[in-house]
Amino acid sequence: MAKNPRKTGPVAASDAARVLNDPKATDDERAAAASALSQVVGGRQTGSVAASDAGRVLNDPKATDDERAAAASALSQAQFGPGKGKNKKK
């Protein structure tokens, strides 16, 4: 399967940095932000654990816009394919 060529842009990287510096950020929010920041240069992809964390952040009604932006950036860089993600056949 081909790699996801996406990388974190400057606005999302700034949002992610704010999340990491926020003492009120949850572990899921920090994990999603860290994943997004690790992909600023490119060549890295969001792993399944970080993607799951990002999904929880996006579903959290208390998440801030910065937290949601960082989570969305991380999730957009996840590689999903056969046997991965929600559509996994049992």
N, C-alpha and C. Protein backbone atom coordinates (compact mmCIF):
# COMPACT_ATOMS: atom_id res chain seq x y z
N MET A 1 0.84 -1.17 0.00
CA MET A 1 0.00 0.00 0.00
C MET A 1 0.89 1.24 0.00
N ALA A 2 0.49 2.24 -0.76
CA ALA A 2 1.26 3.48 -0.85
C ALA A 2 1.15 4.28 0.43
N LYS A 3 2.21 5.02 0.73
CA LYS A 3 2.21 5.87 1.92
C LYS A 3 1.34 7.10 1.69
N ASN A 4 0.81 7.63 2.77
CA ASN A 4 0.04 8.87 2.72
C ASN A 4 1.05 10.01 2.65
N PRO A 5 1.04 10.82 1.57
CA PRO A 5 2.05 11.85 1.39
C PRO A 5 1.77 13.14 2.17
N ARG A 6 0.70 13.21 2.90
CA ARG A 6 0.34 14.44 3.58
C ARG A 6 1.31 14.75 4.72
N LYS A 7 1.44 16.05 5.02
CA LYS A 7 2.21 16.47 6.17
C LYS A 7 1.52 17.65 6.83
N THR A 8 1.86 17.90 8.07
CA THR A 8 1.24 18.96 8.85
C THR A 8 1.68 20.32 8.34
N GLY A 9 0.73 21.19 8.08
CA GLY A 9 1.02 22.54 7.63
C GLY A 9 1.33 23.47 8.80
N PRO A 10 1.75 24.70 8.51
CA PRO A 10 2.17 25.62 9.57
C PRO A 10 1.05 26.03 10.53
N VAL A 11 -0.17 26.18 10.06
CA VAL A 11 -1.27 26.57 10.94
C VAL A 11 -1.59 25.43 11.91
N ALA A 12 -1.70 24.20 11.38
CA ALA A 12 -1.98 23.04 12.23
C ALA A 12 -0.83 22.79 13.21
N ALA A 13 0.41 23.03 12.77
CA ALA A 13 1.56 22.85 13.66
C ALA A 13 1.50 23.85 14.81
N SER A 14 1.11 25.07 14.51
CA SER A 14 0.96 26.09 15.55
C SER A 14 -0.14 25.71 16.54
N ASP A 15 -1.26 25.21 16.02
CA ASP A 15 -2.35 24.74 16.88
C ASP A 15 -1.88 23.60 17.78
N ALA A 16 -1.13 22.67 17.19
CA ALA A 16 -0.63 21.53 17.95
C ALA A 16 0.32 21.98 19.05
N ALA A 17 1.16 22.95 18.76
CA ALA A 17 2.09 23.46 19.77
C ALA A 17 1.32 24.09 20.93
N ARG A 18 0.25 24.83 20.62
CA ARG A 18 -0.56 25.43 21.68
C ARG A 18 -1.20 24.35 22.55
N VAL A 19 -1.65 23.27 21.92
CA VAL A 19 -2.25 22.16 22.69
C VAL A 19 -1.21 21.56 23.63
N LEU A 20 -0.01 21.31 23.13
CA LEU A 20 1.03 20.71 23.97
C LEU A 20 1.44 21.62 25.13
N ASN A 21 1.29 22.93 24.96
CA ASN A 21 1.63 23.87 26.02
C ASN A 21 0.47 24.17 26.96
N ASP A 22 -0.69 23.60 26.67
CA ASP A 22 -1.88 23.83 27.49
C ASP A 22 -1.92 22.84 28.66
N PRO A 23 -1.80 23.35 29.89
CA PRO A 23 -1.81 22.43 31.04
C PRO A 23 -3.14 21.70 31.23
N LYS A 24 -4.20 22.18 30.61
CA LYS A 24 -5.51 21.54 30.74
C LYS A 24 -5.77 20.49 29.66
N ALA A 25 -4.86 20.33 28.71
CA ALA A 25 -5.05 19.36 27.63
C ALA A 25 -5.02 17.94 28.17
N THR A 26 -5.89 17.10 27.65
CA THR A 26 -5.94 15.70 28.08
C THR A 26 -4.83 14.90 27.40
N ASP A 27 -4.64 13.69 27.86
CA ASP A 27 -3.64 12.81 27.25
C ASP A 27 -3.96 12.55 25.78
N ASP A 28 -5.24 12.33 25.44
CA ASP A 28 -5.63 12.11 24.05
C ASP A 28 -5.33 13.33 23.20
N GLU A 29 -5.62 14.51 23.72
CA GLU A 29 -5.36 15.75 22.98
C GLU A 29 -3.87 15.94 22.76
N ARG A 30 -3.07 15.66 23.78
CA ARG A 30 -1.62 15.78 23.65
C ARG A 30 -1.07 14.76 22.66
N ALA A 31 -1.59 13.54 22.68
CA ALA A 31 -1.12 12.51 21.75
C ALA A 31 -1.42 12.89 20.31
N ALA A 32 -2.62 13.41 20.07
CA ALA A 32 -2.99 13.82 18.71
C ALA A 32 -2.11 14.99 18.26
N ALA A 33 -1.88 15.95 19.16
CA ALA A 33 -1.04 17.10 18.82
C ALA A 33 0.40 16.68 18.55
N ALA A 34 0.91 15.78 19.37
CA ALA A 34 2.28 15.30 19.18
C ALA A 34 2.42 14.56 17.85
N SER A 35 1.42 13.78 17.51
CA SER A 35 1.45 13.07 16.22
C SER A 35 1.47 14.07 15.07
N ALA A 36 0.63 15.09 15.16
CA ALA A 36 0.59 16.10 14.10
C ALA A 36 1.94 16.80 13.98
N LEU A 37 2.53 17.18 15.12
CA LEU A 37 3.83 17.87 15.08
C LEU A 37 4.94 16.99 14.55
N SER A 38 4.87 15.70 14.83
CA SER A 38 5.92 14.80 14.34
C SER A 38 5.92 14.66 12.83
N GLN A 39 4.83 15.13 12.19
CA GLN A 39 4.69 14.99 10.75
C GLN A 39 4.83 16.31 10.00
N VAL A 40 5.42 17.30 10.64
CA VAL A 40 5.63 18.60 9.98
C VAL A 40 6.54 18.44 8.78
N VAL A 41 7.59 17.66 8.92
CA VAL A 41 8.55 17.47 7.84
C VAL A 41 8.03 16.49 6.80
N GLY A 42 7.20 15.58 7.16
CA GLY A 42 6.67 14.58 6.23
C GLY A 42 7.40 13.26 6.36
N GLY A 43 6.91 12.27 5.69
CA GLY A 43 7.53 10.96 5.72
C GLY A 43 7.08 10.10 6.88
N ARG A 44 6.32 10.66 7.80
CA ARG A 44 5.80 9.89 8.93
C ARG A 44 4.29 9.85 8.82
N GLN A 45 3.70 8.82 9.42
CA GLN A 45 2.25 8.68 9.38
C GLN A 45 1.73 8.45 10.78
N THR A 46 0.49 8.83 10.99
CA THR A 46 -0.18 8.63 12.26
C THR A 46 -0.43 7.14 12.45
N GLY A 47 -0.02 6.62 13.59
CA GLY A 47 -0.26 5.22 13.91
C GLY A 47 -1.68 5.00 14.41
N SER A 48 -2.04 3.76 14.58
CA SER A 48 -3.42 3.42 14.95
C SER A 48 -3.79 3.95 16.33
N VAL A 49 -2.87 3.94 17.29
CA VAL A 49 -3.17 4.44 18.63
C VAL A 49 -3.41 5.95 18.59
N ALA A 50 -2.52 6.68 17.92
CA ALA A 50 -2.68 8.13 17.81
C ALA A 50 -3.94 8.48 17.02
N ALA A 51 -4.27 7.69 16.01
CA ALA A 51 -5.48 7.93 15.23
C ALA A 51 -6.72 7.73 16.10
N SER A 52 -6.68 6.73 16.95
CA SER A 52 -7.78 6.50 17.88
C SER A 52 -7.92 7.66 18.86
N ASP A 53 -6.78 8.14 19.38
CA ASP A 53 -6.79 9.30 20.28
C ASP A 53 -7.37 10.51 19.56
N ALA A 54 -6.96 10.73 18.33
CA ALA A 54 -7.46 11.87 17.55
C ALA A 54 -8.96 11.77 17.34
N GLY A 55 -9.45 10.58 17.09
CA GLY A 55 -10.88 10.37 16.92
C GLY A 55 -11.65 10.73 18.18
N ARG A 56 -11.10 10.36 19.34
CA ARG A 56 -11.75 10.70 20.61
C ARG A 56 -11.78 12.22 20.81
N VAL A 57 -10.69 12.89 20.43
CA VAL A 57 -10.64 14.35 20.56
C VAL A 57 -11.71 14.98 19.68
N LEU A 58 -11.83 14.51 18.45
CA LEU A 58 -12.82 15.08 17.53
C LEU A 58 -14.25 14.85 18.03
N ASN A 59 -14.48 13.80 18.78
CA ASN A 59 -15.81 13.51 19.31
C ASN A 59 -16.07 14.15 20.67
N ASP A 60 -15.06 14.81 21.23
CA ASP A 60 -15.19 15.41 22.56
C ASP A 60 -15.81 16.80 22.43
N PRO A 61 -17.01 17.01 22.97
CA PRO A 61 -17.66 18.31 22.85
C PRO A 61 -16.92 19.42 23.60
N LYS A 62 -16.03 19.07 24.51
CA LYS A 62 -15.28 20.07 25.26
C LYS A 62 -13.96 20.45 24.60
N ALA A 63 -13.59 19.79 23.51
CA ALA A 63 -12.32 20.07 22.84
C ALA A 63 -12.36 21.46 22.21
N THR A 64 -11.23 22.16 22.32
CA THR A 64 -11.13 23.51 21.74
C THR A 64 -10.87 23.41 20.24
N ASP A 65 -10.95 24.54 19.57
CA ASP A 65 -10.68 24.57 18.13
C ASP A 65 -9.25 24.13 17.83
N ASP A 66 -8.28 24.58 18.65
CA ASP A 66 -6.88 24.17 18.46
C ASP A 66 -6.72 22.67 18.62
N GLU A 67 -7.38 22.10 19.63
CA GLU A 67 -7.29 20.66 19.87
C GLU A 67 -7.91 19.88 18.71
N ARG A 68 -9.02 20.37 18.22
CA ARG A 68 -9.68 19.71 17.08
C ARG A 68 -8.83 19.81 15.81
N ALA A 69 -8.21 20.97 15.60
CA ALA A 69 -7.37 21.15 14.40
C ALA A 69 -6.17 20.22 14.44
N ALA A 70 -5.54 20.10 15.61
CA ALA A 70 -4.38 19.21 15.73
C ALA A 70 -4.81 17.75 15.52
N ALA A 71 -5.95 17.38 16.10
CA ALA A 71 -6.44 16.00 15.95
C ALA A 71 -6.80 15.72 14.49
N ALA A 72 -7.44 16.66 13.84
CA ALA A 72 -7.82 16.47 12.44
C ALA A 72 -6.59 16.33 11.55
N SER A 73 -5.56 17.13 11.84
CA SER A 73 -4.33 17.03 11.05
C SER A 73 -3.70 15.66 11.23
N ALA A 74 -3.63 15.19 12.47
CA ALA A 74 -3.04 13.87 12.73
C ALA A 74 -3.85 12.78 12.05
N LEU A 75 -5.18 12.87 12.14
CA LEU A 75 -6.03 11.84 11.56
C LEU A 75 -5.97 11.84 10.04
N SER A 76 -5.79 13.01 9.44
CA SER A 76 -5.72 13.07 7.98
C SER A 76 -4.45 12.41 7.45
N GLN A 77 -3.49 12.17 8.34
CA GLN A 77 -2.22 11.57 7.94
C GLN A 77 -2.11 10.10 8.33
N ALA A 78 -3.21 9.54 8.77
CA ALA A 78 -3.22 8.11 9.11
C ALA A 78 -3.35 7.30 7.83
N GLN A 79 -2.73 6.14 7.83
CA GLN A 79 -2.83 5.25 6.68
C GLN A 79 -3.86 4.18 7.00
N PHE A 80 -4.93 4.20 6.26
CA PHE A 80 -5.96 3.18 6.43
C PHE A 80 -6.02 2.36 5.16
N GLY A 81 -6.19 1.12 5.32
CA GLY A 81 -6.27 0.23 4.17
C GLY A 81 -6.91 -1.07 4.59
N PRO A 82 -6.72 -2.12 3.82
CA PRO A 82 -7.32 -3.40 4.17
C PRO A 82 -6.93 -3.84 5.57
N GLY A 83 -7.93 -4.16 6.36
CA GLY A 83 -7.68 -4.65 7.71
C GLY A 83 -7.39 -3.55 8.72
N LYS A 84 -7.56 -2.29 8.34
CA LYS A 84 -7.30 -1.20 9.28
C LYS A 84 -8.52 -0.31 9.35
N GLY A 85 -8.67 0.34 10.48
CA GLY A 85 -9.77 1.29 10.63
C GLY A 85 -11.07 0.60 10.96
N LYS A 86 -12.16 1.35 10.90
CA LYS A 86 -13.48 0.87 11.31
C LYS A 86 -14.02 -0.26 10.44
N ASN A 87 -13.64 -0.30 9.19
CA ASN A 87 -14.24 -1.26 8.27
C ASN A 87 -13.56 -2.63 8.28
N LYS A 88 -12.82 -2.89 9.32
CA LYS A 88 -12.13 -4.17 9.41
C LYS A 88 -13.13 -5.31 9.48
N LYS A 89 -12.97 -6.30 8.62
CA LYS A 89 -13.88 -7.45 8.60
C LYS A 89 -13.46 -8.42 9.68
N LYS A 90 -14.48 -9.02 10.30
CA LYS A 90 -14.21 -9.99 11.36
C LYS A 90 -14.32 -11.38 10.85
